[in-house]
Protein backbone atom coordinates (compact mmCIF):
# COMPACT_ATOMS: atom_id res chain seq x y z
CA MET A 1 -20.36 -27.28 18.62
CA GLY A 2 -20.43 -23.61 19.50
CA ALA A 3 -19.30 -22.12 22.73
CA ASN A 4 -22.93 -21.91 24.07
CA ALA A 5 -23.78 -25.44 23.00
CA ILE A 6 -26.01 -27.55 25.23
CA THR A 7 -23.99 -30.58 26.32
CA THR A 8 -26.12 -32.43 28.74
CA ASP A 9 -29.69 -33.70 28.81
CA PRO A 10 -30.43 -31.73 32.02
CA GLU A 11 -29.21 -28.47 30.30
CA LEU A 12 -31.36 -29.33 27.31
CA LEU A 13 -34.35 -29.94 29.59
CA ALA A 14 -33.97 -26.63 31.38
CA LEU A 15 -33.50 -24.62 28.16
CA GLY A 16 -36.44 -26.38 26.45
CA LEU A 17 -38.81 -25.76 29.36
CA HIS A 18 -37.79 -22.14 29.71
CA LYS A 19 -38.23 -21.52 25.97
CA PHE A 20 -41.58 -23.29 25.97
CA GLU A 21 -42.86 -21.21 28.94
CA VAL A 22 -41.88 -17.98 27.22
CA GLU A 23 -42.83 -18.85 23.59
CA ALA A 24 -46.03 -20.80 24.35
CA GLU A 25 -47.65 -17.86 26.09
CA VAL A 26 -46.84 -15.42 23.29
CA LYS A 27 -48.05 -17.91 20.65
CA PHE A 28 -51.23 -18.74 22.52
CA ILE A 29 -52.15 -15.05 23.09
CA ALA A 30 -51.46 -14.30 19.42
CA GLY A 31 -53.84 -17.23 18.54
CA ILE A 32 -56.53 -15.79 20.80
CA ASN A 33 -56.09 -12.35 19.22
CA GLU A 34 -56.35 -13.89 15.77
CA HIS A 35 -59.04 -16.47 16.15
CA ASN A 36 -61.01 -15.48 19.25
CA PRO A 37 -60.77 -11.73 19.91
CA ASN A 38 -64.35 -11.59 21.38
CA GLY A 39 -63.70 -14.47 23.76
CA ASP A 40 -66.70 -16.44 22.60
CA ARG A 41 -65.03 -19.34 20.75
CA HIS A 42 -62.38 -20.64 23.15
CA LEU A 43 -60.81 -23.99 22.66
CA CYS A 44 -62.78 -25.71 25.40
CA ARG A 45 -65.98 -25.00 23.51
CA LEU A 46 -64.81 -26.89 20.41
CA GLU A 47 -66.39 -30.29 19.82
CA PRO A 48 -63.92 -33.20 20.06
CA LEU A 49 -63.96 -33.75 16.23
CA GLN A 50 -63.23 -30.07 15.75
CA ILE A 51 -60.19 -30.41 18.00
CA VAL A 52 -58.99 -33.34 15.99
CA GLN A 53 -59.37 -31.45 12.73
CA GLN A 54 -57.37 -28.50 14.10
CA MET A 55 -54.65 -30.96 15.32
CA LYS A 56 -54.47 -32.48 11.89
CA GLN A 57 -54.12 -28.95 10.33
CA GLU A 58 -51.28 -28.21 12.67
CA ALA A 59 -49.55 -31.55 11.85
CA ILE A 60 -49.68 -30.61 8.14
CA ASP A 61 -47.96 -27.40 8.92
CA GLN A 62 -45.34 -29.24 10.91
CA TRP A 63 -44.70 -31.66 8.08
CA PHE A 64 -43.87 -28.78 5.68
CA TYR A 65 -41.63 -27.12 8.19
CA ALA A 66 -39.80 -30.41 8.51
CA CYS A 67 -39.45 -30.74 4.75
CA ALA A 68 -38.15 -27.15 4.46
CA LEU A 69 -35.59 -27.79 7.15
CA GLU A 70 -34.55 -31.07 5.60
CA GLN A 71 -33.89 -29.30 2.28
CA LYS A 72 -31.74 -26.72 4.09
CA LEU A 73 -29.74 -29.37 5.92
CA ASN A 74 -29.17 -31.41 2.77
CA ALA A 75 -28.01 -28.26 0.93
CA ALA A 76 -25.66 -27.21 3.73
CA PRO A 77 -21.95 -27.94 3.46
CA LYS A 78 -21.09 -31.34 5.07
CA GLU A 79 -18.77 -31.34 8.08
CA GLY A 80 -15.90 -33.74 8.40
């Protein structure tokens, strides 16, 4: 592990919450600018089934990110 490696669960919690706070705001605002620049189609106006469909689309994206990361990890030199 590197010199700046997280070594405890409380450290991981603090780092994760901090990163989420910073990155979530930037991501959400970018989404507003891309999908709702006029402010007339905010998330709370979506019908429940529309929300489910959007969640499924996001899950598909996550699947392929995970597959890409898995390929990189399998191709990386093995330690030990």
